[in-house]
């Protein structure tokens, strides 16, 4: 399953977290199973994200586009650098 399907299902279920701070917090708390980040995500954020995701055994993928395009994909009127999918209860 590609990231389009994963995000679409998560949006329908209301299991999406948007924003670097919220996604990082939820990774550290073990509440995230999947992360998608924009190609132009700042290097420092990307490094932190990948390190924390590896420790927490969270799958991470790079979105094939910019933060602005990821924002459009998420139906938001603003750029989005990082999106997380919450673990199913």
N, C-alpha and C. Protein backbone atom coordinates (compact mmCIF):
# COMPACT_ATOMS: atom_id res chain seq x y z
N UNK A 1 0.85 -1.17 0.00
CA UNK A 1 0.00 0.00 0.00
C UNK A 1 0.90 1.24 0.00
N UNK A 2 0.64 2.16 -0.92
CA UNK A 2 1.41 3.39 -1.02
C UNK A 2 0.95 4.41 0.01
N UNK A 3 1.71 5.50 0.12
CA UNK A 3 1.35 6.49 1.12
C UNK A 3 0.01 7.15 0.85
N UNK A 4 -0.40 7.21 -0.42
CA UNK A 4 -1.70 7.82 -0.73
C UNK A 4 -2.83 7.07 -0.02
N UNK A 5 -2.80 5.74 -0.12
CA UNK A 5 -3.83 4.91 0.51
C UNK A 5 -3.76 4.98 2.03
N UNK A 6 -2.56 4.92 2.57
CA UNK A 6 -2.39 4.97 4.03
C UNK A 6 -2.95 6.27 4.59
N UNK A 7 -2.60 7.37 3.96
CA UNK A 7 -3.07 8.67 4.44
C UNK A 7 -4.57 8.81 4.24
N UNK A 8 -5.08 8.36 3.10
CA UNK A 8 -6.51 8.44 2.82
C UNK A 8 -7.31 7.68 3.89
N UNK A 9 -6.88 6.46 4.20
CA UNK A 9 -7.56 5.66 5.23
C UNK A 9 -7.47 6.34 6.60
N UNK A 10 -6.31 6.89 6.91
CA UNK A 10 -6.13 7.55 8.20
C UNK A 10 -6.99 8.81 8.30
N UNK A 11 -7.10 9.56 7.21
CA UNK A 11 -7.95 10.75 7.20
C UNK A 11 -9.40 10.37 7.45
N UNK A 12 -9.87 9.32 6.78
CA UNK A 12 -11.25 8.87 6.95
C UNK A 12 -11.51 8.42 8.38
N UNK A 13 -10.51 7.81 9.01
CA UNK A 13 -10.65 7.32 10.38
C UNK A 13 -10.35 8.40 11.43
N UNK A 14 -9.86 9.55 10.99
CA UNK A 14 -9.51 10.61 11.92
C UNK A 14 -8.24 10.33 12.70
N UNK A 15 -7.32 9.57 12.10
CA UNK A 15 -6.09 9.17 12.77
C UNK A 15 -4.85 9.89 12.24
N UNK A 16 -5.00 11.13 11.82
CA UNK A 16 -3.87 11.87 11.24
C UNK A 16 -3.40 12.95 12.21
N UNK A 17 -2.09 13.07 12.31
CA UNK A 17 -1.46 14.12 13.11
C UNK A 17 -0.67 14.98 12.13
N UNK A 18 -0.88 16.29 12.17
CA UNK A 18 -0.19 17.20 11.26
C UNK A 18 0.72 18.12 12.06
N UNK A 19 1.95 18.24 11.61
CA UNK A 19 2.89 19.16 12.25
C UNK A 19 4.05 18.44 12.92
N UNK A 20 5.21 19.02 12.78
CA UNK A 20 6.44 18.41 13.30
C UNK A 20 6.38 18.17 14.80
N UNK A 21 6.02 19.19 15.57
CA UNK A 21 6.03 19.06 17.04
C UNK A 21 5.07 17.97 17.50
N UNK A 22 3.87 17.97 16.95
CA UNK A 22 2.87 16.98 17.37
C UNK A 22 3.27 15.56 16.97
N UNK A 23 3.80 15.42 15.76
CA UNK A 23 4.22 14.10 15.29
C UNK A 23 5.38 13.58 16.15
N UNK A 24 6.37 14.44 16.42
CA UNK A 24 7.52 14.03 17.25
C UNK A 24 7.06 13.62 18.64
N UNK A 25 6.19 14.41 19.23
CA UNK A 25 5.68 14.11 20.57
C UNK A 25 5.00 12.75 20.59
N UNK A 26 4.19 12.48 19.58
CA UNK A 26 3.45 11.22 19.52
C UNK A 26 4.35 10.03 19.17
N UNK A 27 5.43 10.26 18.42
CA UNK A 27 6.40 9.19 18.16
C UNK A 27 7.04 8.79 19.48
N UNK A 28 7.47 9.78 20.25
CA UNK A 28 8.13 9.52 21.53
C UNK A 28 7.20 8.82 22.52
N UNK A 29 5.90 9.07 22.39
CA UNK A 29 4.91 8.43 23.28
C UNK A 29 4.41 7.10 22.73
N UNK A 30 4.95 6.66 21.59
CA UNK A 30 4.58 5.37 21.01
C UNK A 30 3.19 5.33 20.40
N UNK A 31 2.69 6.47 19.94
CA UNK A 31 1.32 6.54 19.42
C UNK A 31 1.25 6.64 17.89
N UNK A 32 2.41 6.60 17.22
CA UNK A 32 2.45 6.76 15.76
C UNK A 32 2.99 5.48 15.13
N UNK A 33 2.34 5.08 14.00
CA UNK A 33 2.82 3.89 13.30
C UNK A 33 3.45 4.21 11.95
N UNK A 34 3.20 5.42 11.44
CA UNK A 34 3.67 5.77 10.10
C UNK A 34 3.86 7.28 10.00
N UNK A 35 4.93 7.70 9.32
CA UNK A 35 5.22 9.13 9.14
C UNK A 35 5.54 9.41 7.68
N UNK A 36 5.03 10.54 7.20
CA UNK A 36 5.29 11.01 5.85
C UNK A 36 5.84 12.43 5.97
N UNK A 37 6.97 12.71 5.31
CA UNK A 37 7.54 14.06 5.37
C UNK A 37 7.77 14.59 3.96
N UNK A 38 7.72 15.91 3.83
CA UNK A 38 7.91 16.57 2.53
C UNK A 38 9.37 16.53 2.11
N UNK A 39 9.59 16.53 0.79
CA UNK A 39 10.96 16.52 0.25
C UNK A 39 11.78 17.70 0.74
N UNK A 40 11.15 18.84 0.91
CA UNK A 40 11.88 20.04 1.33
C UNK A 40 11.83 20.26 2.84
N UNK A 41 11.55 19.22 3.58
CA UNK A 41 11.57 19.29 5.04
C UNK A 41 12.99 19.67 5.47
N UNK A 42 13.14 20.63 6.38
CA UNK A 42 14.48 21.04 6.81
C UNK A 42 15.32 19.86 7.30
N UNK A 43 16.61 19.88 6.97
CA UNK A 43 17.51 18.77 7.28
C UNK A 43 17.54 18.42 8.77
N UNK A 44 17.53 19.43 9.63
CA UNK A 44 17.56 19.20 11.08
C UNK A 44 16.31 18.43 11.53
N UNK A 45 15.16 18.83 11.03
CA UNK A 45 13.91 18.15 11.38
C UNK A 45 13.92 16.73 10.84
N UNK A 46 14.36 16.57 9.60
CA UNK A 46 14.42 15.25 8.99
C UNK A 46 15.33 14.31 9.78
N UNK A 47 16.49 14.80 10.19
CA UNK A 47 17.43 13.99 10.98
C UNK A 47 16.81 13.55 12.30
N UNK A 48 16.20 14.50 13.02
CA UNK A 48 15.53 14.19 14.29
C UNK A 48 14.41 13.19 14.08
N UNK A 49 13.62 13.43 13.06
CA UNK A 49 12.48 12.57 12.75
C UNK A 49 12.93 11.14 12.47
N UNK A 50 13.92 10.99 11.61
CA UNK A 50 14.40 9.66 11.25
C UNK A 50 15.01 8.94 12.45
N UNK A 51 15.75 9.67 13.28
CA UNK A 51 16.36 9.07 14.47
C UNK A 51 15.29 8.57 15.44
N UNK A 52 14.32 9.44 15.75
CA UNK A 52 13.26 9.06 16.69
C UNK A 52 12.38 7.95 16.13
N UNK A 53 12.11 7.99 14.84
CA UNK A 53 11.28 6.95 14.21
C UNK A 53 11.99 5.60 14.25
N UNK A 54 13.30 5.61 14.04
CA UNK A 54 14.07 4.36 14.08
C UNK A 54 14.03 3.76 15.49
N UNK A 55 14.22 4.59 16.50
CA UNK A 55 14.18 4.12 17.88
C UNK A 55 12.81 3.53 18.22
N UNK A 56 11.74 4.19 17.73
CA UNK A 56 10.38 3.76 18.03
C UNK A 56 9.84 2.73 17.05
N UNK A 57 10.67 2.34 16.07
CA UNK A 57 10.27 1.36 15.05
C UNK A 57 9.03 1.83 14.27
N UNK A 58 9.09 3.08 13.80
CA UNK A 58 8.00 3.69 13.04
C UNK A 58 8.42 3.77 11.58
N UNK A 59 7.53 3.36 10.68
CA UNK A 59 7.81 3.43 9.25
C UNK A 59 7.77 4.89 8.79
N UNK A 60 8.76 5.28 7.98
CA UNK A 60 8.87 6.66 7.49
C UNK A 60 9.04 6.64 5.97
N UNK A 61 8.32 7.55 5.30
CA UNK A 61 8.46 7.70 3.85
C UNK A 61 8.58 9.17 3.50
N UNK A 62 9.22 9.44 2.38
CA UNK A 62 9.33 10.80 1.87
C UNK A 62 8.23 11.04 0.84
N UNK A 63 7.49 12.14 1.03
CA UNK A 63 6.45 12.55 0.09
C UNK A 63 7.12 13.06 -1.17
N UNK A 64 6.60 12.70 -2.32
CA UNK A 64 7.17 13.11 -3.60
C UNK A 64 6.69 14.51 -3.96
N UNK A 65 7.09 15.49 -3.16
CA UNK A 65 6.68 16.86 -3.39
C UNK A 65 7.09 17.75 -2.23
N UNK A 66 6.79 19.03 -2.35
CA UNK A 66 7.16 20.02 -1.34
C UNK A 66 6.14 20.05 -0.20
N UNK A 67 6.45 20.85 0.81
CA UNK A 67 5.53 21.03 1.93
C UNK A 67 4.21 21.64 1.47
N UNK A 68 4.29 22.54 0.52
CA UNK A 68 3.07 23.15 -0.03
C UNK A 68 2.21 22.09 -0.71
N UNK A 69 2.84 21.21 -1.48
CA UNK A 69 2.11 20.14 -2.16
C UNK A 69 1.55 19.13 -1.16
N UNK A 70 2.31 18.86 -0.09
CA UNK A 70 1.81 17.96 0.94
C UNK A 70 0.61 18.58 1.65
N UNK A 71 0.65 19.89 1.85
CA UNK A 71 -0.49 20.60 2.43
C UNK A 71 -1.72 20.46 1.56
N UNK A 72 -1.56 20.60 0.26
CA UNK A 72 -2.68 20.43 -0.68
C UNK A 72 -3.19 19.00 -0.63
N UNK A 73 -2.28 18.03 -0.61
CA UNK A 73 -2.64 16.61 -0.52
C UNK A 73 -3.45 16.33 0.74
N UNK A 74 -3.13 17.06 1.82
CA UNK A 74 -3.83 16.88 3.10
C UNK A 74 -5.07 17.77 3.20
N UNK A 75 -5.40 18.48 2.13
CA UNK A 75 -6.56 19.38 2.07
C UNK A 75 -6.43 20.52 3.08
N UNK A 76 -5.21 21.03 3.22
CA UNK A 76 -4.95 22.15 4.11
C UNK A 76 -4.53 23.36 3.27
N UNK A 77 -4.81 24.55 3.79
CA UNK A 77 -4.48 25.78 3.07
C UNK A 77 -3.10 26.31 3.46
N UNK A 78 -2.26 25.44 3.99
CA UNK A 78 -0.93 25.84 4.43
C UNK A 78 0.06 24.71 4.17
N UNK A 79 1.35 25.03 4.08
CA UNK A 79 2.35 23.97 3.87
C UNK A 79 2.43 23.03 5.07
N UNK A 80 2.70 21.77 4.80
CA UNK A 80 2.82 20.74 5.84
C UNK A 80 4.15 20.02 5.62
N UNK A 81 5.00 20.01 6.64
CA UNK A 81 6.31 19.35 6.53
C UNK A 81 6.23 17.88 6.92
N UNK A 82 5.43 17.58 7.96
CA UNK A 82 5.39 16.23 8.52
C UNK A 82 3.95 15.83 8.85
N UNK A 83 3.61 14.59 8.51
CA UNK A 83 2.30 14.01 8.81
C UNK A 83 2.52 12.66 9.48
N UNK A 84 1.77 12.40 10.54
CA UNK A 84 1.85 11.11 11.21
C UNK A 84 0.51 10.42 11.20
N UNK A 85 0.55 9.09 11.22
CA UNK A 85 -0.67 8.28 11.31
C UNK A 85 -0.64 7.59 12.67
N UNK A 86 -1.70 7.82 13.45
CA UNK A 86 -1.80 7.21 14.77
C UNK A 86 -1.97 5.71 14.66
N UNK A 87 -1.49 5.00 15.67
CA UNK A 87 -1.69 3.56 15.74
C UNK A 87 -3.17 3.28 15.96
N UNK A 88 -3.65 2.19 15.36
CA UNK A 88 -5.04 1.79 15.54
C UNK A 88 -5.23 1.28 16.96
N UNK A 89 -6.34 1.63 17.54
CA UNK A 89 -6.61 1.20 18.92
C UNK A 89 -7.04 -0.23 19.00
